[in-house]
C-alpha cells in the first residue's frame, strides 16, 4: 500500500500552518499498525518526508514523524504500516475524544 498519494501530498497543509488552530486543526491522513494500537494522524507535511501530527500510542502526544520511518517499519508476518483509506479530515478535538475518552 502506498502510504502517501499525490492527492494527499497536495491536500496536506505546510508545516506550522495549523499551529494556531489548536483543537480545530484537522488531521488529513491516518496511518496505523494493524498489529498494535499505534496510530499516526498527519496534520501538516513538509512536502518531502516530515509530518507534524498526533501520535496515539502508549502516551498520545503531538510530534514529528517521518514518512521514510513509517515505510520502513516491519511488523510480525511481514505486516507494514497502513493508511486508512476511508479516513475523512477530522478535527483534533474529535480525535482526542476517540483516544482519550
PDB file of N, CA and C in Angstrom:
ATOM      1  N   UNK A   1       0.836  -1.179   0.000  1.00  0.00           N
ATOM      2  CA  UNK A   1       0.000   0.000   0.000  1.00  0.00           C
ATOM      3  C   UNK A   1       0.882   1.244   0.000  1.00  0.00           C
ATOM      4  N   UNK A   2       0.555   2.171  -0.866  1.00  0.00           N
ATOM      5  CA  UNK A   2       1.262   3.445  -0.896  1.00  0.00           C
ATOM      6  C   UNK A   2       0.732   4.312   0.246  1.00  0.00           C
ATOM      7  N   UNK A   3       1.622   4.730   1.128  1.00  0.00           N
ATOM      8  CA  UNK A   3       1.176   5.487   2.284  1.00  0.00           C
ATOM      9  C   UNK A   3       0.743   6.907   1.944  1.00  0.00           C
ATOM     10  N   UNK A   4       1.380   7.515   0.965  1.00  0.00           N
ATOM     11  CA  UNK A   4       1.075   8.910   0.660  1.00  0.00           C
ATOM     12  C   UNK A   4       0.890   9.087  -0.841  1.00  0.00           C
ATOM     13  N   UNK A   5      -0.332   9.320  -1.257  1.00  0.00           N
ATOM     14  CA  UNK A   5      -0.644   9.514  -2.669  1.00  0.00           C
ATOM     15  C   UNK A   5      -0.343  10.954  -3.085  1.00  0.00           C
ATOM     16  N   UNK A   6      -0.347  11.202  -4.378  1.00  0.00           N
ATOM     17  CA  UNK A   6      -0.142  12.570  -4.883  1.00  0.00           C
ATOM     18  C   UNK A   6      -1.235  13.494  -4.370  1.00  0.00           C
ATOM     19  N   UNK A   7      -2.465  13.004  -4.323  1.00  0.00           N
ATOM     20  CA  UNK A   7      -3.575  13.828  -3.842  1.00  0.00           C
ATOM     21  C   UNK A   7      -3.374  14.201  -2.375  1.00  0.00           C
ATOM     22  N   UNK A   8      -2.992  13.228  -1.556  1.00  0.00           N
ATOM     23  CA  UNK A   8      -2.757  13.527  -0.142  1.00  0.00           C
ATOM     24  C   UNK A   8      -1.607  14.508   0.035  1.00  0.00           C
ATOM     25  N   UNK A   9      -0.559  14.351  -0.756  1.00  0.00           N
ATOM     26  CA  UNK A   9       0.561  15.303  -0.699  1.00  0.00           C
ATOM     27  C   UNK A   9       0.062  16.720  -0.963  1.00  0.00           C
ATOM     28  N   UNK A  10      -0.829  16.837  -1.921  1.00  0.00           N
ATOM     29  CA  UNK A  10      -1.376  18.149  -2.281  1.00  0.00           C
ATOM     30  C   UNK A  10      -2.298  18.687  -1.189  1.00  0.00           C
ATOM     31  N   UNK A  11      -3.069  17.788  -0.558  1.00  0.00           N
ATOM     32  CA  UNK A  11      -4.047  18.191   0.451  1.00  0.00           C
ATOM     33  C   UNK A  11      -3.438  18.550   1.798  1.00  0.00           C
ATOM     34  N   UNK A  12      -2.278  17.974   2.114  1.00  0.00           N
ATOM     35  CA  UNK A  12      -1.660  18.238   3.419  1.00  0.00           C
ATOM     36  C   UNK A  12      -1.129  19.667   3.498  1.00  0.00           C
ATOM     37  N   UNK A  13      -1.528  20.416   4.515  1.00  0.00           N
ATOM     38  CA  UNK A  13      -1.009  21.776   4.688  1.00  0.00           C
ATOM     39  C   UNK A  13       0.487  21.772   5.002  1.00  0.00           C
ATOM     40  N   UNK A  14       1.138  22.899   4.747  1.00  0.00           N
ATOM     41  CA  UNK A  14       2.562  23.046   5.061  1.00  0.00           C
ATOM     42  C   UNK A  14       2.768  23.023   6.573  1.00  0.00           C
ATOM     43  N   UNK A  15       3.991  22.662   6.967  1.00  0.00           N
ATOM     44  CA  UNK A  15       4.337  22.684   8.394  1.00  0.00           C
ATOM     45  C   UNK A  15       4.048  24.059   8.988  1.00  0.00           C
ATOM     46  N   UNK A  16       3.545  24.069  10.199  1.00  0.00           N
ATOM     47  CA  UNK A  16       3.243  25.249  11.014  1.00  0.00           C
ATOM     48  C   UNK A  16       2.007  26.018  10.562  1.00  0.00           C
ATOM     49  N   UNK A  17       1.331  25.579   9.512  1.00  0.00           N
ATOM     50  CA  UNK A  17       0.188  26.333   9.006  1.00  0.00           C
ATOM     51  C   UNK A  17      -1.064  26.191   9.877  1.00  0.00           C
ATOM     52  N   UNK A  18      -1.134  25.160  10.714  1.00  0.00           N
ATOM     53  CA  UNK A  18      -2.308  24.975  11.572  1.00  0.00           C
ATOM     54  C   UNK A  18      -1.997  25.177  13.053  1.00  0.00           C
ATOM     55  N   UNK A  19      -0.798  25.672  13.355  1.00  0.00           N
ATOM     56  CA  UNK A  19      -0.371  25.695  14.750  1.00  0.00           C
ATOM     57  C   UNK A  19      -1.230  26.575  15.653  1.00  0.00           C
ATOM     58  N   UNK A  20      -1.920  27.559  15.129  1.00  0.00           N
ATOM     59  CA  UNK A  20      -2.748  28.421  15.967  1.00  0.00           C
ATOM     60  C   UNK A  20      -4.193  27.934  16.078  1.00  0.00           C
ATOM     61  N   UNK A  21      -4.516  26.842  15.408  1.00  0.00           N
ATOM     62  CA  UNK A  21      -5.893  26.336  15.409  1.00  0.00           C
ATOM     63  C   UNK A  21      -6.200  25.433  16.602  1.00  0.00           C
ATOM     64  N   UNK A  22      -5.176  24.969  17.276  1.00  0.00           N
ATOM     65  CA  UNK A  22      -5.291  24.083  18.434  1.00  0.00           C
ATOM     66  C   UNK A  22      -6.207  22.896  18.128  1.00  0.00           C
ATOM     67  N   UNK A  23      -7.283  22.693  18.889  1.00  0.00           N
ATOM     68  CA  UNK A  23      -8.145  21.522  18.696  1.00  0.00           C
ATOM     69  C   UNK A  23      -8.997  21.604  17.424  1.00  0.00           C
ATOM     70  N   UNK A  24      -9.016  22.743  16.767  1.00  0.00           N
ATOM     71  CA  UNK A  24      -9.742  22.872  15.496  1.00  0.00           C
ATOM     72  C   UNK A  24      -8.874  22.490  14.298  1.00  0.00           C
ATOM     73  N   UNK A  25      -7.586  22.237  14.530  1.00  0.00           N
ATOM     74  CA  UNK A  25      -6.710  21.763  13.449  1.00  0.00           C
ATOM     75  C   UNK A  25      -7.248  20.439  12.942  1.00  0.00           C
ATOM     76  N   UNK A  26      -7.101  20.211  11.637  1.00  0.00           N
ATOM     77  CA  UNK A  26      -7.644  18.988  11.046  1.00  0.00           C
ATOM     78  C   UNK A  26      -6.546  18.019  10.632  1.00  0.00           C
ATOM     79  N   UNK A  27      -6.742  16.776  11.035  1.00  0.00           N
ATOM     80  CA  UNK A  27      -5.875  15.702  10.553  1.00  0.00           C
ATOM     81  C   UNK A  27      -6.354  15.342   9.154  1.00  0.00           C
ATOM     82  N   UNK A  28      -5.413  15.184   8.244  1.00  0.00           N
ATOM     83  CA  UNK A  28      -5.729  14.925   6.847  1.00  0.00           C
ATOM     84  C   UNK A  28      -5.615  13.449   6.506  1.00  0.00           C
ATOM     85  N   UNK A  29      -4.674  12.771   7.148  1.00  0.00           N
ATOM     86  CA  UNK A  29      -4.448  11.358   6.844  1.00  0.00           C
ATOM     87  C   UNK A  29      -4.163  10.592   8.133  1.00  0.00           C
ATOM     88  N   UNK A  30      -4.554   9.328   8.151  1.00  0.00           N
ATOM     89  CA  UNK A  30      -4.377   8.468   9.321  1.00  0.00           C
ATOM     90  C   UNK A  30      -3.586   7.231   8.898  1.00  0.00           C
ATOM     91  N   UNK A  31      -2.506   6.953   9.634  1.00  0.00           N
ATOM     92  CA  UNK A  31      -1.699   5.743   9.448  1.00  0.00           C
ATOM     93  C   UNK A  31      -1.850   4.897  10.703  1.00  0.00           C
ATOM     94  N   UNK A  32      -1.745   3.585  10.576  1.00  0.00           N
ATOM     95  CA  UNK A  32      -1.880   2.733  11.756  1.00  0.00           C
ATOM     96  C   UNK A  32      -1.124   1.422  11.570  1.00  0.00           C
ATOM     97  N   UNK A  33      -0.830   0.790  12.707  1.00  0.00           N
ATOM     98  CA  UNK A  33      -0.250  -0.547  12.683  1.00  0.00           C
ATOM     99  C   UNK A  33      -1.394  -1.540  12.845  1.00  0.00           C
ATOM    100  N   UNK A  34      -1.518  -2.504  11.944  1.00  0.00           N
ATOM    101  CA  UNK A  34      -2.594  -3.482  12.084  1.00  0.00           C
ATOM    102  C   UNK A  34      -2.347  -4.493  13.205  1.00  0.00           C
ATOM    103  N   UNK A  35      -1.175  -4.474  13.811  1.00  0.00           N
ATOM    104  CA  UNK A  35      -0.853  -5.454  14.853  1.00  0.00           C
ATOM    105  C   UNK A  35      -0.763  -4.837  16.253  1.00  0.00           C
ATOM    106  N   UNK A  36      -0.923  -3.513  16.366  1.00  0.00           N
ATOM    107  CA  UNK A  36      -0.932  -2.856  17.684  1.00  0.00           C
ATOM    108  C   UNK A  36      -1.987  -1.759  17.662  1.00  0.00           C
ATOM    109  N   UNK A  37      -2.023  -0.958  18.714  1.00  0.00           N
ATOM    110  CA  UNK A  37      -2.971   0.153  18.770  1.00  0.00           C
ATOM    111  C   UNK A  37      -2.343   1.492  18.374  1.00  0.00           C
ATOM    112  N   UNK A  38      -1.159   1.491  17.806  1.00  0.00           N
ATOM    113  CA  UNK A  38      -0.489   2.738  17.424  1.00  0.00           C
ATOM    114  C   UNK A  38      -1.126   3.330  16.176  1.00  0.00           C
ATOM    115  N   UNK A  39      -1.356   4.667  16.246  1.00  0.00           N
ATOM    116  CA  UNK A  39      -1.958   5.402  15.132  1.00  0.00           C
ATOM    117  C   UNK A  39      -1.266   6.753  15.012  1.00  0.00           C
ATOM    118  N   UNK A  40      -1.012   7.164  13.771  1.00  0.00           N
ATOM    119  CA  UNK A  40      -0.402   8.460  13.478  1.00  0.00           C
ATOM    120  C   UNK A  40      -1.390   9.277  12.648  1.00  0.00           C
ATOM    121  N   UNK A  41      -1.690  10.485  13.112  1.00  0.00           N
ATOM    122  CA  UNK A  41      -2.574  11.398  12.378  1.00  0.00           C
ATOM    123  C   UNK A  41      -1.722  12.547  11.852  1.00  0.00           C
ATOM    124  N   UNK A  42      -1.673  12.707  10.549  1.00  0.00           N
ATOM    125  CA  UNK A  42      -0.863  13.762   9.954  1.00  0.00           C
ATOM    126  C   UNK A  42      -1.704  15.023   9.769  1.00  0.00           C
ATOM    127  N   UNK A  43      -1.226  16.110  10.357  1.00  0.00           N
ATOM    128  CA  UNK A  43      -1.885  17.402  10.220  1.00  0.00           C
ATOM    129  C   UNK A  43      -1.181  18.269   9.182  1.00  0.00           C
ATOM    130  N   UNK A  44       0.147  18.155   9.113  1.00  0.00           N
ATOM    131  CA  UNK A  44       0.960  19.001   8.232  1.00  0.00           C
ATOM    132  C   UNK A  44       2.105  18.180   7.660  1.00  0.00           C
ATOM    133  N   UNK A  45       2.664  18.670   6.567  1.00  0.00           N
ATOM    134  CA  UNK A  45       3.722  17.925   5.866  1.00  0.00           C
ATOM    135  C   UNK A  45       4.693  18.910   5.236  1.00  0.00           C
ATOM    136  N   UNK A  46       5.978  18.566   5.265  1.00  0.00           N
ATOM    137  CA  UNK A  46       6.990  19.450   4.685  1.00  0.00           C
ATOM    138  C   UNK A  46       7.141  19.269   3.172  1.00  0.00           C
ATOM    139  N   UNK A  47       6.365  18.369   2.592  1.00  0.00           N
ATOM    140  CA  UNK A  47       6.431  18.130   1.151  1.00  0.00           C
ATOM    141  C   UNK A  47       7.419  17.061   0.740  1.00  0.00           C
ATOM    142  N   UNK A  48       8.248  16.615   1.692  1.00  0.00           N
ATOM    143  CA  UNK A  48       9.263  15.609   1.380  1.00  0.00           C
ATOM    144  C   UNK A  48       9.162  14.380   2.273  1.00  0.00           C
ATOM    145  N   UNK A  49       9.371  14.577   3.583  1.00  0.00           N
ATOM    146  CA  UNK A  49       9.430  13.418   4.474  1.00  0.00           C
ATOM    147  C   UNK A  49       8.831  13.654   5.855  1.00  0.00           C
ATOM    148  N   UNK A  50       8.796  14.870   6.337  1.00  0.00           N
ATOM    149  CA  UNK A  50       8.455  15.128   7.734  1.00  0.00           C
ATOM    150  C   UNK A  50       7.004  15.578   7.903  1.00  0.00           C
ATOM    151  N   UNK A  51       6.306  14.867   8.787  1.00  0.00           N
ATOM    152  CA  UNK A  51       4.941  15.223   9.171  1.00  0.00           C
ATOM    153  C   UNK A  51       4.964  15.856  10.547  1.00  0.00           C
ATOM    154  N   UNK A  52       3.971  16.688  10.803  1.00  0.00           N
ATOM    155  CA  UNK A  52       3.640  17.062  12.176  1.00  0.00           C
ATOM    156  C   UNK A  52       2.235  16.555  12.399  1.00  0.00           C
ATOM    157  N   UNK A  53       2.023  15.925  13.561  1.00  0.00           N
ATOM    158  CA  UNK A  53       0.703  15.399  13.825  1.00  0.00           C
ATOM    159  C   UNK A  53       0.564  14.870  15.228  1.00  0.00           C
ATOM    160  N   UNK A  54      -0.396  14.008  15.385  1.00  0.00           N
ATOM    161  CA  UNK A  54      -0.742  13.437  16.674  1.00  0.00           C
ATOM    162  C   UNK A  54      -0.468  11.946  16.615  1.00  0.00           C
ATOM    163  N   UNK A  55       0.289  11.464  17.566  1.00  0.00           N
ATOM    164  CA  UNK A  55       0.629  10.044  17.618  1.00  0.00           C
ATOM    165  C   UNK A  55      -0.083   9.445  18.824  1.00  0.00           C
ATOM    166  N   UNK A  56      -0.980   8.517  18.543  1.00  0.00           N
ATOM    167  CA  UNK A  56      -1.721   7.839  19.607  1.00  0.00           C
ATOM    168  C   UNK A  56      -1.103   6.465  19.791  1.00  0.00           C
ATOM    169  N   UNK A  57      -0.205   6.389  20.761  1.00  0.00           N
ATOM    170  CA  UNK A  57       0.469   5.131  21.072  1.00  0.00           C
ATOM    171  C   UNK A  57       0.349   4.878  22.559  1.00  0.00           C
ATOM    172  N   UNK A  58       1.445   4.532  23.190  1.00  0.00           N
ATOM    173  CA  UNK A  58       1.426   4.322  24.637  1.00  0.00           C
ATOM    174  C   UNK A  58       1.055   5.602  25.382  1.00  0.00           C
ATOM    175  N   UNK A  59       1.575   6.733  24.917  1.00  0.00           N
ATOM    176  CA  UNK A  59       1.306   8.037  25.509  1.00  0.00           C
ATOM    177  C   UNK A  59       0.978   9.006  24.381  1.00  0.00           C
ATOM    178  N   UNK A  60      -0.304   9.225  24.086  1.00  0.00           N
ATOM    179  CA  UNK A  60      -0.675  10.099  22.965  1.00  0.00           C
ATOM    180  C   UNK A  60      -0.062  11.488  23.115  1.00  0.00           C
ATOM    181  N   UNK A  61       0.502  11.988  21.989  1.00  0.00           N
ATOM    182  CA  UNK A  61       1.140  13.300  22.012  1.00  0.00           C
ATOM    183  C   UNK A  61       1.300  13.845  20.601  1.00  0.00           C
ATOM    184  N   UNK A  62       1.488  15.154  20.521  1.00  0.00           N
ATOM    185  CA  UNK A  62       1.820  15.802  19.257  1.00  0.00           C
ATOM    186  C   UNK A  62       3.312  15.629  19.015  1.00  0.00           C
ATOM    187  N   UNK A  63       3.694  15.563  17.739  1.00  0.00           N
ATOM    188  CA  UNK A  63       5.105  15.475  17.425  1.00  0.00           C
ATOM    189  C   UNK A  63       5.343  15.315  15.944  1.00  0.00           C
ATOM    190  N   UNK A  64       6.608  15.175  15.609  1.00  0.00           N
ATOM    191  CA  UNK A  64       7.027  14.988  14.222  1.00  0.00           C
ATOM    192  C   UNK A  64       7.285  13.509  13.975  1.00  0.00           C
ATOM    193  N   UNK A  65       6.969  13.061  12.772  1.00  0.00           N
ATOM    194  CA  UNK A  65       7.301  11.700  12.369  1.00  0.00           C
ATOM    195  C   UNK A  65       7.613  11.688  10.886  1.00  0.00           C
ATOM    196  N   UNK A  66       8.305  10.663  10.477  1.00  0.00           N
ATOM    197  CA  UNK A  66       8.882  10.593   9.143  1.00  0.00           C
ATOM    198  C   UNK A  66       8.158   9.573   8.267  1.00  0.00           C
ATOM    199  N   UNK A  67       7.897   9.948   7.036  1.00  0.00           N
ATOM    200  CA  UNK A  67       7.316   9.029   6.063  1.00  0.00           C
ATOM    201  C   UNK A  67       8.249   7.845   5.838  1.00  0.00           C
ATOM    202  N   UNK A  68       9.543   8.114   5.708  1.00  0.00           N
ATOM    203  CA  UNK A  68      10.508   7.025   5.488  1.00  0.00           C
ATOM    204  C   UNK A  68      10.510   6.039   6.646  1.00  0.00           C
ATOM    205  N   UNK A  69      10.404   6.553   7.862  1.00  0.00           N
ATOM    206  CA  UNK A  69      10.366   5.659   9.017  1.00  0.00           C
ATOM    207  C   UNK A  69       9.096   4.813   9.014  1.00  0.00           C
ATOM    208  N   UNK A  70       7.959   5.432   8.717  1.00  0.00           N
ATOM    209  CA  UNK A  70       6.715   4.666   8.657  1.00  0.00           C
ATOM    210  C   UNK A  70       6.811   3.564   7.603  1.00  0.00           C
ATOM    211  N   UNK A  71       7.396   3.891   6.466  1.00  0.00           N
ATOM    212  CA  UNK A  71       7.534   2.917   5.381  1.00  0.00           C
ATOM    213  C   UNK A  71       8.500   1.789   5.731  1.00  0.00           C
ATOM    214  N   UNK A  72       9.428   2.047   6.643  1.00  0.00           N
ATOM    215  CA  UNK A  72      10.459   1.050   6.959  1.00  0.00           C
ATOM    216  C   UNK A  72      10.057   0.081   8.073  1.00  0.00           C
ATOM    217  N   UNK A  73       8.961   0.358   8.757  1.00  0.00           N
ATOM    218  CA  UNK A  73       8.559  -0.487   9.885  1.00  0.00           C
ATOM    219  C   UNK A  73       8.020  -1.819   9.378  1.00  0.00           C
ATOM    220  N   UNK A  74       8.544  -2.886   9.964  1.00  0.00           N
ATOM    221  CA  UNK A  74       8.091  -4.237   9.635  1.00  0.00           C
ATOM    222  C   UNK A  74       7.550  -4.896  10.887  1.00  0.00           C
ATOM    223  N   UNK A  75       6.294  -5.317  10.807  1.00  0.00           N
ATOM    224  CA  UNK A  75       5.671  -5.990  11.925  1.00  0.00           C
ATOM    225  C   UNK A  75       5.740  -7.495  11.763  1.00  0.00           C
ATOM    226  N   UNK A  76       5.050  -8.215  12.622  1.00  0.00           N
ATOM    227  CA  UNK A  76       5.027  -9.672  12.524  1.00  0.00           C
ATOM    228  C   UNK A  76       4.401 -10.124  11.202  1.00  0.00           C
ATOM    229  N   UNK A  77       4.906 -11.224  10.709  1.00  0.00           N
ATOM    230  CA  UNK A  77       4.394 -11.841   9.472  1.00  0.00           C
ATOM    231  C   UNK A  77       4.485 -10.905   8.266  1.00  0.00           C
ATOM    232  N   UNK A  78       5.436  -9.960   8.304  1.00  0.00           N
ATOM    233  CA  UNK A  78       5.633  -9.051   7.179  1.00  0.00           C
ATOM    234  C   UNK A  78       4.630  -7.911   7.099  1.00  0.00           C
ATOM    235  N   UNK A  79       3.838  -7.712   8.151  1.00  0.00           N
ATOM    236  CA  UNK A  79       2.872  -6.615   8.140  1.00  0.00           C
ATOM    237  C   UNK A  79       3.589  -5.274   8.117  1.00  0.00           C
ATOM    238  N   UNK A  80       2.969  -4.286   7.487  1.00  0.00           N
ATOM    239  CA  UNK A  80       3.523  -2.944   7.363  1.00  0.00           C
ATOM    240  C   UNK A  80       2.518  -1.934   7.912  1.00  0.00           C
ATOM    241  N   UNK A  81       2.970  -0.720   8.100  1.00  0.00           N
ATOM    242  CA  UNK A  81       2.080   0.382   8.450  1.00  0.00           C
ATOM    243  C   UNK A  81       1.093   0.553   7.298  1.00  0.00           C
ATOM    244  N   UNK A  82      -0.144   0.850   7.633  1.00  0.00           N
ATOM    245  CA  UNK A  82      -1.165   1.049   6.611  1.00  0.00           C
ATOM    246  C   UNK A  82      -1.770   2.438   6.726  1.00  0.00           C
ATOM    247  N   UNK A  83      -2.384   2.871   5.635  1.00  0.00           N
ATOM    248  CA  UNK A  83      -3.128   4.133   5.618  1.00  0.00           C
ATOM    249  C   UNK A  83      -4.611   3.789   5.623  1.00  0.00           C
ATOM    250  N   UNK A  84      -5.357   4.496   6.441  1.00  0.00           N
ATOM    251  CA  UNK A  84      -6.802   4.296   6.484  1.00  0.00           C
ATOM    252  C   UNK A  84      -7.411   4.960   5.252  1.00  0.00           C
ATOM    253  N   UNK A  85      -7.792   4.166   4.276  1.00  0.00           N
ATOM    254  CA  UNK A  85      -8.325   4.683   3.018  1.00  0.00           C
ATOM    255  C   UNK A  85      -9.675   5.378   3.190  1.00  0.00           C
ATOM    256  N   UNK A  86     -10.357   5.117   4.279  1.00  0.00           N
ATOM    257  CA  UNK A  86     -11.696   5.663   4.488  1.00  0.00           C
ATOM    258  C   UNK A  86     -11.725   6.814   5.494  1.00  0.00           C
ATOM    259  N   UNK A  87     -10.546   7.271   5.902  1.00  0.00           N
ATOM    260  CA  UNK A  87     -10.447   8.359   6.869  1.00  0.00           C
ATOM    261  C   UNK A  87     -10.803   9.684   6.201  1.00  0.00           C
ATOM    262  N   UNK A  88     -11.672  10.451   6.848  1.00  0.00           N
ATOM    263  CA  UNK A  88     -12.018  11.800   6.391  1.00  0.00           C
ATOM    264  C   UNK A  88     -11.350  12.812   7.299  1.00  0.00           C
ATOM    265  N   UNK A  89     -11.065  13.981   6.764  1.00  0.00           N
ATOM    266  CA  UNK A  89     -10.473  15.041   7.580  1.00  0.00           C
ATOM    267  C   UNK A  89     -11.261  15.167   8.879  1.00  0.00           C
ATOM    268  N   UNK A  90     -10.531  15.183   9.980  1.00  0.00           N
ATOM    269  CA  UNK A  90     -11.148  15.173  11.298  1.00  0.00           C
ATOM    270  C   UNK A  90     -10.428  16.151  12.204  1.00  0.00           C
ATOM    271  N   UNK A  91     -11.180  16.883  13.021  1.00  0.00           N
ATOM    272  CA  UNK A  91     -10.550  17.832  13.940  1.00  0.00           C
ATOM    273  C   UNK A  91      -9.837  17.092  15.062  1.00  0.00           C
ATOM    274  N   UNK A  92      -8.857  17.745  15.605  1.00  0.00           N
ATOM    275  CA  UNK A  92      -8.120  17.155  16.718  1.00  0.00           C
ATOM    276  C   UNK A  92      -9.026  16.981  17.934  1.00  0.00           C
ATOM    277  N   UNK A  93     -10.007  17.825  18.091  1.00  0.00           N
ATOM    278  CA  UNK A  93     -10.959  17.675  19.191  1.00  0.00           C
ATOM    279  C   UNK A  93     -11.626  16.296  19.109  1.00  0.00           C
ATOM    280  N   UNK A  94     -12.084  15.921  17.918  1.00  0.00           N
ATOM    281  CA  UNK A  94     -12.745  14.624  17.732  1.00  0.00           C
ATOM    282  C   UNK A  94     -11.768  13.459  17.924  1.00  0.00           C
ATOM    283  N   UNK A  95     -10.562  13.620  17.416  1.00  0.00           N
ATOM    284  CA  UNK A  95      -9.564  12.548  17.546  1.00  0.00           C
ATOM    285  C   UNK A  95      -9.190  12.329  19.008  1.00  0.00           C
ATOM    286  N   UNK A  96      -9.014  13.405  19.745  1.00  0.00           N
ATOM    287  CA  UNK A  96      -8.676  13.263  21.164  1.00  0.00           C
ATOM    288  C   UNK A  96      -9.805  12.609  21.946  1.00  0.00           C
ATOM    289  N   UNK A  97     -11.045  12.891  21.582  1.00  0.00           N
ATOM    290  CA  UNK A  97     -12.177  12.239  22.246  1.00  0.00           C
ATOM    291  C   UNK A  97     -12.144  10.738  22.006  1.00  0.00           C
ATOM    292  N   UNK A  98     -11.777  10.323  20.790  1.00  0.00           N
ATOM    293  CA  UNK A  98     -11.696   8.905  20.460  1.00  0.00           C
ATOM    294  C   UNK A  98     -10.620   8.214  21.298  1.00  0.00           C
ATOM    295  N   UNK A  99      -9.449   8.850  21.414  1.00  0.00           N
ATOM    296  CA  UNK A  99      -8.307   8.201  22.065  1.00  0.00           C
ATOM    297  C   UNK A  99      -8.218   8.451  23.571  1.00  0.00           C
ATOM    298  N   UNK A 100      -8.832   9.506  24.037  1.00  0.00           N
ATOM    299  CA  UNK A 100      -8.708   9.832  25.462  1.00  0.00           C
ATOM    300  C   UNK A 100     -10.007   9.673  26.230  1.00  0.00           C
ATOM    301  N   UNK A 101     -11.060   9.296  25.541  1.00  0.00           N
ATOM    302  CA  UNK A 101     -12.344   9.059  26.199  1.00  0.00           C
ATOM    303  C   UNK A 101     -13.115  10.257  26.581  1.00  0.00           C
TER     304      UNK A 101
END
